Structures are given as structure tokens and as C-alpha cells.
Amino acid sequence: LVRPVARKKLIDYKLPDSIVGRLEN
């Protein structure tokens, strides 16, 4: 049996705005 040990949101990775903007647009 395997279960996930973590669930994150993108904000948890503390990405610069430029990278978030690239992923979004």
C-alpha cells in the first residue's frame, strides 16, 4: 500500500513572479 506523503500548492514553491507568469501565459 502506497499513499502520498505531501500535497502542495504552487505558492508553496515560492516561485518568482516571472516564472509564475511563464507557467500561466
PDB file of all heavy atoms in Angstrom:
ATOM      1  N   LEU A   1       0.850  -1.186   0.000  1.00  0.00           N
ATOM      2  CA  LEU A   1       0.000   0.000   0.000  1.00  0.00           C
ATOM      3  C   LEU A   1       0.892   1.244   0.000  1.00  0.00           C
ATOM      4  O   LEU A   1       1.818   1.349   0.806  1.00  0.00           O
ATOM      5  CB  LEU A   1      -0.923   0.033   1.222  1.00  0.00           C
ATOM      6  CG  LEU A   1      -2.156  -0.887   1.181  1.00  0.00           C
ATOM      7  CD1 LEU A   1      -1.754  -2.330   1.386  1.00  0.00           C
ATOM      8  CD2 LEU A   1      -3.172  -0.452   2.224  1.00  0.00           C
ATOM      9  N   VAL A   2       0.613   2.159  -0.909  1.00  0.00           N
ATOM     10  CA  VAL A   2       1.376   3.403  -1.005  1.00  0.00           C
ATOM     11  C   VAL A   2       0.402   4.566  -0.967  1.00  0.00           C
ATOM     12  O   VAL A   2      -0.612   4.560  -1.675  1.00  0.00           O
ATOM     13  CB  VAL A   2       2.200   3.454  -2.319  1.00  0.00           C
ATOM     14  CG1 VAL A   2       2.947   4.775  -2.423  1.00  0.00           C
ATOM     15  CG2 VAL A   2       3.171   2.287  -2.382  1.00  0.00           C
ATOM     16  N   ARG A   3       0.694   5.537  -0.140  1.00  0.00           N
ATOM     17  CA  ARG A   3      -0.138   6.739  -0.104  1.00  0.00           C
ATOM     18  C   ARG A   3       0.766   7.968  -0.199  1.00  0.00           C
ATOM     19  O   ARG A   3       1.929   7.919   0.186  1.00  0.00           O
ATOM     20  CB  ARG A   3      -0.966   6.802   1.187  1.00  0.00           C
ATOM     21  CG  ARG A   3      -0.144   6.913   2.453  1.00  0.00           C
ATOM     22  CD  ARG A   3      -1.046   7.039   3.679  1.00  0.00           C
ATOM     23  NE  ARG A   3      -0.298   7.102   4.913  1.00  0.00           N
ATOM     24  CZ  ARG A   3       0.271   8.206   5.389  1.00  0.00           C
ATOM     25  NH1 ARG A   3       0.163   9.339   4.723  1.00  0.00           N
ATOM     26  NH2 ARG A   3       0.944   8.171   6.519  1.00  0.00           N
ATOM     27  N   PRO A   4       0.246   9.088  -0.704  1.00  0.00           N
ATOM     28  CA  PRO A   4       1.066  10.301  -0.821  1.00  0.00           C
ATOM     29  C   PRO A   4       1.424  10.853   0.549  1.00  0.00           C
ATOM     30  O   PRO A   4       0.624  10.787   1.485  1.00  0.00           O
ATOM     31  CB  PRO A   4       0.158  11.271  -1.601  1.00  0.00           C
ATOM     32  CG  PRO A   4      -1.232  10.761  -1.385  1.00  0.00           C
ATOM     33  CD  PRO A   4      -1.114   9.275  -1.240  1.00  0.00           C
ATOM     34  N   VAL A   5       2.627  11.400   0.659  1.00  0.00           N
ATOM     35  CA  VAL A   5       3.081  11.942   1.942  1.00  0.00           C
ATOM     36  C   VAL A   5       2.981  13.465   1.978  1.00  0.00           C
ATOM     37  O   VAL A   5       3.138  14.065   3.038  1.00  0.00           O
ATOM     38  CB  VAL A   5       4.527  11.513   2.241  1.00  0.00           C
ATOM     39  CG1 VAL A   5       4.606  10.013   2.391  1.00  0.00           C
ATOM     40  CG2 VAL A   5       5.480  11.978   1.136  1.00  0.00           C
ATOM     41  N   ALA A   6       2.724  14.088   0.831  1.00  0.00           N
ATOM     42  CA  ALA A   6       2.652  15.557   0.814  1.00  0.00           C
ATOM     43  C   ALA A   6       1.741  16.013  -0.313  1.00  0.00           C
ATOM     44  O   ALA A   6       1.640  15.359  -1.355  1.00  0.00           O
ATOM     45  CB  ALA A   6       4.038  16.161   0.633  1.00  0.00           C
ATOM     46  N   ARG A   7       1.057  17.106  -0.082  1.00  0.00           N
ATOM     47  CA  ARG A   7       0.299  17.781  -1.131  1.00  0.00           C
ATOM     48  C   ARG A   7       0.603  19.260  -1.038  1.00  0.00           C
ATOM     49  O   ARG A   7       0.438  19.863   0.035  1.00  0.00           O
ATOM     50  CB  ARG A   7      -1.198  17.515  -0.991  1.00  0.00           C
ATOM     51  CG  ARG A   7      -2.002  18.167  -2.128  1.00  0.00           C
ATOM     52  CD  ARG A   7      -3.440  17.733  -2.142  1.00  0.00           C
ATOM     53  NE  ARG A   7      -4.167  18.372  -3.238  1.00  0.00           N
ATOM     54  CZ  ARG A   7      -5.435  18.172  -3.518  1.00  0.00           C
ATOM     55  NH1 ARG A   7      -6.143  17.318  -2.781  1.00  0.00           N
ATOM     56  NH2 ARG A   7      -6.019  18.792  -4.530  1.00  0.00           N
ATOM     57  N   LYS A   8       1.056  19.834  -2.124  1.00  0.00           N
ATOM     58  CA  LYS A   8       1.481  21.229  -2.129  1.00  0.00           C
ATOM     59  C   LYS A   8       0.647  22.052  -3.101  1.00  0.00           C
ATOM     60  O   LYS A   8       0.059  21.527  -4.048  1.00  0.00           O
ATOM     61  CB  LYS A   8       2.961  21.331  -2.518  1.00  0.00           C
ATOM     62  CG  LYS A   8       3.937  20.807  -1.481  1.00  0.00           C
ATOM     63  CD  LYS A   8       5.369  21.096  -1.918  1.00  0.00           C
ATOM     64  CE  LYS A   8       6.384  20.686  -0.874  1.00  0.00           C
ATOM     65  NZ  LYS A   8       7.761  21.027  -1.298  1.00  0.00           N
ATOM     66  N   LYS A   9       0.651  23.359  -2.848  1.00  0.00           N
ATOM     67  CA  LYS A   9       0.119  24.321  -3.793  1.00  0.00           C
ATOM     68  C   LYS A   9       1.302  24.990  -4.492  1.00  0.00           C
ATOM     69  O   LYS A   9       2.431  24.979  -3.990  1.00  0.00           O
ATOM     70  CB  LYS A   9      -0.734  25.370  -3.075  1.00  0.00           C
ATOM     71  CG  LYS A   9      -1.962  24.795  -2.373  1.00  0.00           C
ATOM     72  CD  LYS A   9      -2.738  25.891  -1.674  1.00  0.00           C
ATOM     73  CE  LYS A   9      -3.967  25.321  -0.962  1.00  0.00           C
ATOM     74  NZ  LYS A   9      -4.718  26.386  -0.242  1.00  0.00           N
ATOM     75  N   LEU A  10       1.035  25.581  -5.650  1.00  0.00           N
ATOM     76  CA  LEU A  10       2.121  26.212  -6.396  1.00  0.00           C
ATOM     77  C   LEU A  10       2.786  27.308  -5.573  1.00  0.00           C
ATOM     78  O   LEU A  10       4.014  27.502  -5.648  1.00  0.00           O
ATOM     79  CB  LEU A  10       1.587  26.786  -7.715  1.00  0.00           C
ATOM     80  CG  LEU A  10       2.658  27.108  -8.769  1.00  0.00           C
ATOM     81  CD1 LEU A  10       3.341  25.841  -9.245  1.00  0.00           C
ATOM     82  CD2 LEU A  10       2.035  27.844  -9.953  1.00  0.00           C
ATOM     83  N   ILE A  11       2.009  27.999  -4.748  1.00  0.00           N
ATOM     84  CA  ILE A  11       2.564  29.080  -3.937  1.00  0.00           C
ATOM     85  C   ILE A  11       3.594  28.558  -2.935  1.00  0.00           C
ATOM     86  O   ILE A  11       4.500  29.291  -2.507  1.00  0.00           O
ATOM     87  CB  ILE A  11       1.428  29.849  -3.217  1.00  0.00           C
ATOM     88  CG1 ILE A  11       1.946  31.170  -2.655  1.00  0.00           C
ATOM     89  CG2 ILE A  11       0.793  28.984  -2.131  1.00  0.00           C
ATOM     90  CD1 ILE A  11       0.864  32.062  -2.104  1.00  0.00           C
ATOM     91  N   ASP A  12       3.496  27.277  -2.564  1.00  0.00           N
ATOM     92  CA  ASP A  12       4.439  26.694  -1.605  1.00  0.00           C
ATOM     93  C   ASP A  12       5.846  26.593  -2.172  1.00  0.00           C
ATOM     94  O   ASP A  12       6.813  26.460  -1.413  1.00  0.00           O
ATOM     95  CB  ASP A  12       3.970  25.304  -1.166  1.00  0.00           C
ATOM     96  CG  ASP A  12       2.653  25.353  -0.404  1.00  0.00           C
ATOM     97  OD1 ASP A  12       2.394  26.372   0.272  1.00  0.00           O
ATOM     98  OD2 ASP A  12       1.871  24.382  -0.491  1.00  0.00           O
ATOM     99  N   TYR A  13       5.985  26.624  -3.497  1.00  0.00           N
ATOM    100  CA  TYR A  13       7.307  26.531  -4.113  1.00  0.00           C
ATOM    101  C   TYR A  13       8.023  27.884  -4.157  1.00  0.00           C
ATOM    102  O   TYR A  13       9.191  27.940  -4.559  1.00  0.00           O
ATOM    103  CB  TYR A  13       7.192  25.956  -5.524  1.00  0.00           C
ATOM    104  CG  TYR A  13       6.807  24.500  -5.534  1.00  0.00           C
ATOM    105  CD1 TYR A  13       5.462  24.108  -5.544  1.00  0.00           C
ATOM    106  CD2 TYR A  13       7.767  23.498  -5.503  1.00  0.00           C
ATOM    107  CE1 TYR A  13       5.102  22.758  -5.545  1.00  0.00           C
ATOM    108  CE2 TYR A  13       7.411  22.141  -5.504  1.00  0.00           C
ATOM    109  CZ  TYR A  13       6.074  21.794  -5.518  1.00  0.00           C
ATOM    110  OH  TYR A  13       5.712  20.456  -5.506  1.00  0.00           O
ATOM    111  N   LYS A  14       7.314  28.956  -3.770  1.00  0.00           N
ATOM    112  CA  LYS A  14       7.908  30.301  -3.673  1.00  0.00           C
ATOM    113  C   LYS A  14       8.601  30.703  -4.972  1.00  0.00           C
ATOM    114  O   LYS A  14       9.751  31.133  -4.990  1.00  0.00           O
ATOM    115  CB  LYS A  14       8.888  30.361  -2.497  1.00  0.00           C
ATOM    116  CG  LYS A  14       8.243  30.054  -1.144  1.00  0.00           C
ATOM    117  CD  LYS A  14       9.257  30.058  -0.029  1.00  0.00           C
ATOM    118  CE  LYS A  14       8.594  29.695   1.299  1.00  0.00           C
ATOM    119  NZ  LYS A  14       9.571  29.632   2.422  1.00  0.00           N
ATOM    120  N   LEU A  15       7.873  30.563  -6.067  1.00  0.00           N
ATOM    121  CA  LEU A  15       8.435  30.883  -7.373  1.00  0.00           C
ATOM    122  C   LEU A  15       8.407  32.380  -7.627  1.00  0.00           C
ATOM    123  O   LEU A  15       7.453  33.070  -7.239  1.00  0.00           O
ATOM    124  CB  LEU A  15       7.640  30.170  -8.469  1.00  0.00           C
ATOM    125  CG  LEU A  15       7.600  28.640  -8.396  1.00  0.00           C
ATOM    126  CD1 LEU A  15       6.713  28.100  -9.503  1.00  0.00           C
ATOM    127  CD2 LEU A  15       8.979  28.063  -8.495  1.00  0.00           C
ATOM    128  N   PRO A  16       9.423  32.917  -8.303  1.00  0.00           N
ATOM    129  CA  PRO A  16       9.382  34.320  -8.716  1.00  0.00           C
ATOM    130  C   PRO A  16       8.200  34.588  -9.633  1.00  0.00           C
ATOM    131  O   PRO A  16       7.725  33.700 -10.332  1.00  0.00           O
ATOM    132  CB  PRO A  16      10.713  34.515  -9.453  1.00  0.00           C
ATOM    133  CG  PRO A  16      11.604  33.419  -8.960  1.00  0.00           C
ATOM    134  CD  PRO A  16      10.694  32.260  -8.664  1.00  0.00           C
ATOM    135  N   ASP A  17       7.745  35.832  -9.639  1.00  0.00           N
ATOM    136  CA  ASP A  17       6.599  36.209 -10.465  1.00  0.00           C
ATOM    137  C   ASP A  17       6.835  35.919 -11.944  1.00  0.00           C
ATOM    138  O   ASP A  17       5.899  35.578 -12.674  1.00  0.00           O
ATOM    139  CB  ASP A  17       6.276  37.693 -10.276  1.00  0.00           C
ATOM    140  CG  ASP A  17       5.720  37.988  -8.883  1.00  0.00           C
ATOM    141  OD1 ASP A  17       5.272  37.036  -8.212  1.00  0.00           O
ATOM    142  OD2 ASP A  17       5.740  39.160  -8.481  1.00  0.00           O
ATOM    143  N   SER A  18       8.095  36.045 -12.397  1.00  0.00           N
ATOM    144  CA  SER A  18       8.389  35.825 -13.807  1.00  0.00           C
ATOM    145  C   SER A  18       8.121  34.365 -14.198  1.00  0.00           C
ATOM    146  O   SER A  18       7.614  34.086 -15.294  1.00  0.00           O
ATOM    147  CB  SER A  18       9.848  36.184 -14.113  1.00  0.00           C
ATOM    148  OG  SER A  18      10.735  35.381 -13.339  1.00  0.00           O
ATOM    149  N   ILE A  19       8.440  33.428 -13.300  1.00  0.00           N
ATOM    150  CA  ILE A  19       8.223  32.015 -13.591  1.00  0.00           C
ATOM    151  C   ILE A  19       6.733  31.692 -13.534  1.00  0.00           C
ATOM    152  O   ILE A  19       6.208  30.971 -14.387  1.00  0.00           O
ATOM    153  CB  ILE A  19       9.012  31.136 -12.607  1.00  0.00           C
ATOM    154  CG1 ILE A  19      10.512  31.366 -12.806  1.00  0.00           C
ATOM    155  CG2 ILE A  19       8.663  29.661 -12.793  1.00  0.00           C
ATOM    156  CD1 ILE A  19      11.374  30.621 -11.820  1.00  0.00           C
ATOM    157  N   VAL A  20       6.032  32.225 -12.533  1.00  0.00           N
ATOM    158  CA  VAL A  20       4.580  32.012 -12.446  1.00  0.00           C
ATOM    159  C   VAL A  20       3.905  32.567 -13.701  1.00  0.00           C
ATOM    160  O   VAL A  20       3.001  31.945 -14.267  1.00  0.00           O
ATOM    161  CB  VAL A  20       4.005  32.663 -11.178  1.00  0.00           C
ATOM    162  CG1 VAL A  20       2.483  32.528 -11.156  1.00  0.00           C
ATOM    163  CG2 VAL A  20       4.592  32.008  -9.932  1.00  0.00           C
ATOM    164  N   GLY A  21       4.364  33.728 -14.140  1.00  0.00           N
ATOM    165  CA  GLY A  21       3.802  34.327 -15.348  1.00  0.00           C
ATOM    166  C   GLY A  21       4.049  33.470 -16.576  1.00  0.00           C
ATOM    167  O   GLY A  21       3.173  33.344 -17.440  1.00  0.00           O
ATOM    168  N   ARG A  22       5.224  32.849 -16.658  1.00  0.00           N
ATOM    169  CA  ARG A  22       5.505  31.968 -17.792  1.00  0.00           C
ATOM    170  C   ARG A  22       4.603  30.742 -17.752  1.00  0.00           C
ATOM    171  O   ARG A  22       4.050  30.331 -18.785  1.00  0.00           O
ATOM    172  CB  ARG A  22       6.975  31.546 -17.794  1.00  0.00           C
ATOM    173  CG  ARG A  22       7.306  30.597 -18.927  1.00  0.00           C
ATOM    174  CD  ARG A  22       8.791  30.291 -19.046  1.00  0.00           C
ATOM    175  NE  ARG A  22       9.030  29.386 -20.169  1.00  0.00           N
ATOM    176  CZ  ARG A  22       9.102  29.750 -21.441  1.00  0.00           C
ATOM    177  NH1 ARG A  22       8.960  31.026 -21.768  1.00  0.00           N
ATOM    178  NH2 ARG A  22       9.310  28.861 -22.397  1.00  0.00           N
ATOM    179  N   LEU A  23       4.435  30.138 -16.586  1.00  0.00           N
ATOM    180  CA  LEU A  23       3.574  28.964 -16.463  1.00  0.00           C
ATOM    181  C   LEU A  23       2.127  29.303 -16.798  1.00  0.00           C
ATOM    182  O   LEU A  23       1.407  28.493 -17.367  1.00  0.00           O
ATOM    183  CB  LEU A  23       3.663  28.393 -15.049  1.00  0.00           C
ATOM    184  CG  LEU A  23       5.008  27.794 -14.633  1.00  0.00           C
ATOM    185  CD1 LEU A  23       4.984  27.409 -13.164  1.00  0.00           C
ATOM    186  CD2 LEU A  23       5.359  26.594 -15.492  1.00  0.00           C
ATOM    187  N   GLU A  24       1.710  30.507 -16.460  1.00  0.00           N
ATOM    188  CA  GLU A  24       0.319  30.913 -16.653  1.00  0.00           C
ATOM    189  C   GLU A  24       0.023  31.328 -18.082  1.00  0.00           C
ATOM    190  O   GLU A  24      -1.065  31.049 -18.609  1.00  0.00           O
ATOM    191  CB  GLU A  24      -0.008  32.060 -15.698  1.00  0.00           C
ATOM    192  CG  GLU A  24      -1.457  32.482 -15.702  1.00  0.00           C
ATOM    193  CD  GLU A  24      -1.755  33.541 -14.653  1.00  0.00           C
ATOM    194  OE1 GLU A  24      -0.807  34.102 -14.083  1.00  0.00           O
ATOM    195  OE2 GLU A  24      -2.937  33.799 -14.392  1.00  0.00           O
ATOM    196  N   ASN A  25       0.995  31.985 -18.738  1.00  0.00           N
ATOM    197  CA  ASN A  25       0.693  32.623 -20.018  1.00  0.00           C
ATOM    198  C   ASN A  25       1.469  32.081 -21.208  1.00  0.00           C
ATOM    199  O   ASN A  25       0.951  32.073 -22.327  1.00  0.00           O
ATOM    200  CB  ASN A  25       0.963  34.133 -19.921  1.00  0.00           C
ATOM    201  CG  ASN A  25       0.135  34.797 -18.841  1.00  0.00           C
ATOM    202  OD1 ASN A  25      -1.064  34.568 -18.746  1.00  0.00           O
ATOM    203  ND2 ASN A  25       0.781  35.610 -18.005  1.00  0.00           N
TER     204      ASN A  25
END
